[in-house]
Amino acid sequence: MKVLEIKNLVKSYGSLKAVNDVSFDIHKGEIFGLLGPNGAGKTSLISTVMTLEKINSGQIYVCGYDVQKQASITKSLVGFMPQDIIIHGYFSVREVIKFYSGFCGVWPDSERIDYLLKRMDLWEQRNSKVRTLSGGMKRRLLIVKALVHSPKLLLLDEPTAGVDIQLRASLWEFIKELKEETSILFTTHYLEEAEKLCDRVAFIHKGKIRQIGKTNKLISHLTTRKVLIKLKKGLSINKNKHHSGQNEDNYEVFLLPYSLTIVQLLKDLNLDMNEIQDLKVKEGSLEDVFNSVTEGISA
């Protein structure tokens, strides 16, 4: 089932095409990462899904409903955590959540609210004024608001921006749990975060999707494995076509495609394990994919 379907989406601001003919979909129970540099079009795209921005052309469907023609229905199916912290200073945490339930067209569910407050460690602050919360607590509150109506699609725009390491780890764990009840689209500049969480990712740059696919397959197809070999004293290595031409701290550096194993490399080099003093392997990453995708694209 396609929870989100975007077809040939275009969103312009004057002569600038912030989103330029973008198409992709998200399936039930999927975590999908939308990655790219600042100004790539990520927030503009999310804003069109939330009907905060009107599109110039294309179609957006949430659970089969047309976002442009059936906005009230789609809003009830989508939860949204914005990048910026929105302050509701004179209301308590619980009041804000109840108000937001009504905004989403749902009668406040006390059991659901209590569960989310406890899960996000806001239970002790449930009657506190929002203005008294720390920045991290306010970000937790944004997540509770986004989930209070049990949405089918959750949009997270930079959910861990500016939070400490402990809270980031807690949010990662919670996002993984949420796959059981909702599909997730999130943007982030932390590529390590996307690599750990996302089933699929799309790289957007200058408004266009430059690459899209399963996270592990993109890494294996678009990056290389770095193998560093140091031989025992007095021995030398026969460099082959996979040698990078570099030497790092007396390690010879080889760049291997994922189709070639380290055992095959050692055979090609005619090396025996007894001749090796040390061997290190550095796997490719989403950061390497990002560099590969954006390389050569003018800023």
Protein backbone atom coordinates (compact mmCIF):
# COMPACT_ATOMS: atom_id res chain seq x y z
CA MET A 1 0.00 0.00 0.00
CA LYS A 2 1.30 3.45 -0.95
CA VAL A 3 0.88 5.76 2.02
CA LEU A 4 2.41 8.70 0.15
CA GLU A 5 2.59 9.07 -3.61
CA ILE A 6 4.19 12.08 -5.29
CA LYS A 7 4.00 12.48 -9.06
CA ASN A 8 5.94 15.07 -11.09
CA LEU A 9 5.75 17.65 -8.31
CA VAL A 10 6.81 21.20 -9.09
CA LYS A 11 6.93 24.01 -6.54
CA SER A 12 8.28 27.39 -7.62
CA TYR A 13 8.98 30.69 -5.90
CA GLY A 14 9.09 33.16 -8.74
CA SER A 15 11.77 31.96 -11.17
CA LEU A 16 13.23 29.50 -8.62
CA LYS A 17 12.04 25.90 -8.87
CA ALA A 18 12.49 24.71 -5.30
CA VAL A 19 11.00 21.30 -6.23
CA ASN A 20 11.51 20.35 -9.86
CA ASP A 21 9.58 17.40 -11.31
CA VAL A 22 9.96 15.14 -8.26
CA SER A 23 8.34 11.70 -8.09
CA PHE A 24 8.55 9.00 -5.41
CA ASP A 25 6.33 7.02 -3.06
CA ILE A 26 6.42 5.64 0.48
CA HIS A 27 4.92 2.31 1.48
CA LYS A 28 3.22 1.16 4.65
CA GLY A 29 5.65 0.63 7.53
CA GLU A 30 8.57 2.28 5.69
CA ILE A 31 11.06 4.84 6.97
CA PHE A 32 12.08 7.04 4.04
CA GLY A 33 14.86 9.63 4.25
CA LEU A 34 14.88 12.77 2.12
CA LEU A 35 18.47 13.96 2.13
CA GLY A 36 20.23 16.95 0.65
CA PRO A 37 22.09 20.19 1.41
CA ASN A 38 20.45 23.36 2.68
CA GLY A 39 18.17 24.84 0.04
CA ALA A 40 17.80 21.54 -1.82
CA GLY A 41 14.00 21.61 -1.61
CA LYS A 42 13.32 19.27 1.33
CA THR A 43 11.22 21.59 3.49
CA SER A 44 9.38 22.98 0.44
CA LEU A 45 8.37 19.44 -0.52
CA ILE A 46 7.14 18.61 2.98
CA SER A 47 5.21 21.89 3.08
CA THR A 48 3.30 20.93 -0.06
CA VAL A 49 2.33 17.56 1.45
CA MET A 50 1.01 19.44 4.50
CA THR A 51 -0.84 21.91 2.19
CA LEU A 52 1.13 24.74 3.78
CA GLU A 53 2.32 25.61 0.26
CA LYS A 54 0.39 25.39 -3.00
CA ILE A 55 1.99 23.36 -5.74
CA ASN A 56 2.50 24.61 -9.29
CA SER A 57 1.94 21.25 -10.93
CA GLY A 58 1.92 17.54 -10.20
CA GLN A 59 -0.05 15.36 -7.80
CA ILE A 60 0.29 14.31 -4.15
CA TYR A 61 -1.74 11.47 -2.65
CA VAL A 62 -1.90 10.35 0.98
CA CYS A 63 -3.46 6.88 1.38
CA GLY A 64 -5.03 7.42 -2.03
CA TYR A 65 -6.57 10.82 -1.20
CA ASP A 66 -5.64 13.82 -3.35
CA VAL A 67 -3.96 16.38 -1.09
CA GLN A 68 -5.14 19.29 -3.25
CA LYS A 69 -8.77 18.21 -3.59
CA GLN A 70 -9.29 16.43 -0.25
CA ALA A 71 -7.14 18.51 2.08
CA SER A 72 -9.27 18.05 5.22
CA ILE A 73 -9.10 14.26 4.95
CA THR A 74 -5.38 14.14 4.24
CA LYS A 75 -4.60 16.49 7.14
CA SER A 76 -6.23 14.03 9.52
CA LEU A 77 -3.96 11.28 8.16
CA VAL A 78 -0.67 13.17 8.47
CA GLY A 79 1.39 14.12 11.50
CA PHE A 80 3.97 16.88 11.12
CA MET A 81 6.96 17.85 13.24
CA PRO A 82 8.39 21.10 11.88
CA GLN A 83 12.05 22.02 11.85
CA ASP A 84 11.49 25.12 13.97
CA ILE A 85 10.28 24.95 17.56
CA ILE A 86 6.85 26.60 17.87
CA ILE A 87 6.22 28.18 21.25
CA HIS A 88 2.82 28.03 23.00
CA GLY A 89 4.15 29.72 26.11
CA TYR A 90 0.98 30.41 28.09
CA PHE A 91 -0.54 26.94 27.73
CA SER A 92 0.37 23.79 29.58
CA VAL A 93 1.79 20.75 27.80
CA ARG A 94 -1.46 18.81 28.16
CA GLU A 95 -3.58 21.76 26.96
CA VAL A 96 -1.49 22.14 23.82
CA ILE A 97 -1.86 18.45 22.98
CA LYS A 98 -5.63 18.52 23.51
CA PHE A 99 -5.99 21.61 21.32
CA TYR A 100 -3.95 19.98 18.61
CA SER A 101 -6.11 16.85 18.72
CA GLY A 102 -9.10 19.02 17.87
CA PHE A 103 -7.17 20.72 15.08
CA CYS A 104 -6.57 17.26 13.55
CA GLY A 105 -10.29 16.47 13.80
CA VAL A 106 -9.88 13.93 16.61
CA TRP A 107 -11.54 13.95 20.03
CA PRO A 108 -8.76 14.05 22.69
CA ASP A 109 -7.85 10.49 23.69
CA SER A 110 -6.56 10.63 27.27
CA GLU A 111 -5.07 7.15 27.09
CA ARG A 112 -3.17 7.99 23.89
CA ILE A 113 -1.99 11.33 25.30
CA ASP A 114 -0.78 9.74 28.54
CA TYR A 115 1.10 7.04 26.63
CA LEU A 116 2.90 9.57 24.43
CA LEU A 117 3.77 11.85 27.36
CA LYS A 118 5.28 8.94 29.26
CA ARG A 119 7.06 7.54 26.21
CA MET A 120 8.64 10.91 25.45
CA ASP A 121 9.56 11.57 29.11
CA LEU A 122 7.18 14.50 29.44
CA TRP A 123 4.88 13.01 32.07
CA GLU A 124 6.35 15.06 34.93
CA GLN A 125 5.93 18.23 32.84
CA ARG A 126 2.37 17.50 31.67
CA ASN A 127 0.90 20.43 33.64
CA SER A 128 3.85 22.78 33.14
CA LYS A 129 3.66 25.84 30.93
CA VAL A 130 5.41 25.27 27.62
CA ARG A 131 7.56 28.36 28.12
CA THR A 132 9.24 26.68 31.10
CA LEU A 133 10.45 23.66 29.10
CA SER A 134 14.00 23.19 27.89
CA GLY A 135 14.73 23.13 24.17
CA GLY A 136 14.95 19.34 24.18
CA MET A 137 11.59 19.01 25.97
CA LYS A 138 9.95 21.36 23.47
CA ARG A 139 11.21 19.15 20.65
CA ARG A 140 9.74 16.10 22.44
CA LEU A 141 6.44 17.98 22.68
CA LEU A 142 6.47 18.55 18.91
CA ILE A 143 6.70 14.80 18.39
CA VAL A 144 3.80 14.15 20.79
CA LYS A 145 1.70 16.70 18.90
CA ALA A 146 2.53 15.07 15.60
CA LEU A 147 1.46 11.63 16.88
CA VAL A 148 -1.53 12.42 19.06
CA HIS A 149 -4.08 11.59 16.33
CA SER A 150 -2.36 8.32 15.28
CA PRO A 151 -1.44 9.45 11.75
CA LYS A 152 -0.82 7.06 8.87
CA LEU A 153 2.05 9.24 7.65
CA LEU A 154 4.52 11.06 9.88
CA LEU A 155 6.62 13.92 8.48
CA LEU A 156 9.71 14.76 10.52
CA ASP A 157 11.66 17.81 9.34
CA GLU A 158 15.10 17.71 11.00
CA PRO A 159 13.74 15.98 14.16
CA THR A 160 17.09 15.79 15.96
CA ALA A 161 18.49 19.21 15.02
CA GLY A 162 20.14 20.82 18.02
CA VAL A 163 19.40 18.02 20.51
CA ASP A 164 21.94 16.32 22.75
CA ILE A 165 23.36 12.87 22.11
CA GLN A 166 21.16 11.16 24.70
CA LEU A 167 17.94 12.58 23.29
CA ARG A 168 19.03 11.80 19.73
CA ALA A 169 19.58 8.13 20.66
CA SER A 170 16.17 8.05 22.37
CA LEU A 171 14.48 9.50 19.28
CA TRP A 172 16.21 6.98 17.02
CA GLU A 173 14.81 4.15 19.14
CA PHE A 174 11.32 5.66 19.12
CA ILE A 175 11.34 6.22 15.35
CA LYS A 176 12.14 2.54 14.84
CA GLU A 177 9.21 1.58 17.08
CA LEU A 178 6.85 3.84 15.14
CA LYS A 179 7.21 1.71 12.01
CA GLU A 180 4.60 -0.58 13.53
CA GLU A 181 1.90 2.10 13.33
CA THR A 182 2.91 4.69 10.76
CA SER A 183 5.06 5.35 7.71
CA ILE A 184 7.73 8.00 8.14
CA LEU A 185 9.29 10.61 5.88
CA PHE A 186 12.06 12.55 7.50
CA THR A 187 14.77 14.97 6.53
CA THR A 188 18.11 15.19 8.26
CA HIS A 189 21.62 16.50 7.79
CA TYR A 190 22.98 13.67 9.92
CA LEU A 191 23.74 11.05 7.29
CA GLU A 192 24.74 8.53 9.95
CA GLU A 193 21.23 8.89 11.34
CA ALA A 194 19.65 8.19 7.96
CA GLU A 195 21.94 5.22 7.39
CA LYS A 196 20.84 3.61 10.67
CA LEU A 197 17.11 4.32 10.34
CA CYS A 198 16.04 4.44 6.71
CA ASP A 199 14.77 1.57 4.60
CA ARG A 200 15.12 3.81 1.53
CA VAL A 201 16.56 7.24 0.88
CA ALA A 202 16.35 9.86 -1.85
CA PHE A 203 19.01 12.48 -2.47
CA ILE A 204 17.59 15.80 -3.59
CA HIS A 205 19.77 18.63 -4.87
CA LYS A 206 18.71 21.88 -6.53
CA GLY A 207 15.11 20.68 -6.48
CA LYS A 208 15.70 17.39 -8.31
CA ILE A 209 15.94 13.81 -7.09
CA ARG A 210 19.47 12.74 -8.00
CA GLN A 211 19.39 9.20 -6.61
CA ILE A 212 16.83 7.02 -4.87
CA GLY A 213 16.85 3.47 -3.59
CA LYS A 214 17.32 1.09 -0.68
CA THR A 215 19.93 2.42 1.70
CA ASN A 216 22.19 -0.64 1.69
CA LYS A 217 22.03 -1.03 -2.09
CA LEU A 218 22.98 2.59 -2.72
CA ILE A 219 26.00 2.17 -0.46
CA SER A 220 27.10 -1.03 -2.20
CA HIS A 221 26.52 0.34 -5.72
CA LEU A 222 27.90 3.86 -5.33
CA THR A 223 30.73 3.50 -2.83
CA THR A 224 33.85 1.42 -2.33
CA ARG A 225 35.24 -0.44 0.65
CA LYS A 226 38.59 0.97 1.87
CA VAL A 227 41.08 -1.73 2.86
CA LEU A 228 44.28 -0.69 4.64
CA ILE A 229 47.09 -3.22 4.77
CA LYS A 230 50.37 -3.03 6.71
CA LEU A 231 52.92 -5.77 6.11
CA LYS A 232 55.45 -7.07 8.56
CA LYS A 233 58.80 -5.30 8.64
CA GLY A 234 60.99 -5.95 5.63
CA LEU A 235 58.16 -7.10 3.36
CA SER A 236 56.78 -5.17 0.40
CA ILE A 237 53.44 -5.29 -1.34
CA ASN A 238 52.71 -5.66 -5.04
CA LYS A 239 50.23 -2.92 -5.82
CA ASN A 240 47.41 -3.70 -8.23
CA LYS A 241 44.65 -1.78 -10.01
CA HIS A 242 42.70 -1.37 -6.75
CA HIS A 243 45.52 0.52 -5.06
CA SER A 244 44.50 4.11 -4.37
CA GLY A 245 48.00 5.47 -4.81
CA GLN A 246 47.93 6.54 -1.18
CA ASN A 247 49.74 5.47 1.96
CA GLU A 248 48.23 6.23 5.37
CA ASP A 249 50.50 5.79 8.40
CA ASN A 250 52.46 3.03 6.66
CA TYR A 251 49.26 1.32 5.49
CA GLU A 252 48.79 0.72 1.78
CA VAL A 253 45.27 1.80 0.78
CA PHE A 254 43.09 -0.23 -1.58
CA LEU A 255 39.59 0.73 -2.77
CA LEU A 256 37.40 -2.29 -3.48
CA PRO A 257 34.02 -2.51 -5.15
CA TYR A 258 31.55 -4.48 -3.05
CA SER A 259 31.57 -7.20 -5.69
CA LEU A 260 35.16 -8.05 -4.70
CA THR A 261 35.93 -9.69 -1.35
CA ILE A 262 38.97 -9.03 0.81
CA VAL A 263 40.00 -12.67 0.35
CA GLN A 264 40.03 -12.13 -3.42
CA LEU A 265 42.15 -9.00 -2.97
CA LEU A 266 44.72 -10.88 -0.90
CA LYS A 267 44.84 -13.62 -3.53
CA ASP A 268 45.36 -11.03 -6.28
CA LEU A 269 48.21 -9.53 -4.22
CA ASN A 270 49.63 -12.99 -3.58
CA LEU A 271 49.64 -12.26 0.14
CA ASP A 272 49.54 -14.72 3.00
CA MET A 273 47.92 -13.76 6.29
CA ASN A 274 51.22 -14.52 8.05
CA GLU A 275 52.81 -11.66 6.12
CA ILE A 276 50.28 -9.10 7.34
CA GLN A 277 50.98 -7.10 10.48
CA ASP A 278 47.62 -5.34 10.48
CA LEU A 279 44.54 -5.00 8.28
CA LYS A 280 41.74 -2.47 8.58
CA VAL A 281 38.46 -2.23 6.68
CA LYS A 282 36.36 0.92 6.36
CA GLU A 283 32.94 0.36 4.82
CA GLY A 284 31.29 2.84 2.50
CA SER A 285 28.67 5.15 3.99
CA LEU A 286 25.76 7.36 3.01
CA GLU A 287 28.13 10.30 3.26
CA ASP A 288 30.19 8.70 0.49
CA VAL A 289 26.98 8.22 -1.53
CA PHE A 290 26.09 11.87 -0.99
CA ASN A 291 29.52 13.00 -2.21
CA SER A 292 29.23 10.71 -5.23
CA VAL A 293 25.76 11.96 -6.11
CA THR A 294 26.48 15.68 -5.74
CA GLU A 295 29.94 15.61 -7.30
CA GLY A 296 29.96 17.60 -10.49
CA ILE A 297 26.60 19.27 -9.85
CA SER A 298 27.08 23.02 -9.87
CA ALA A 299 26.24 24.80 -6.62
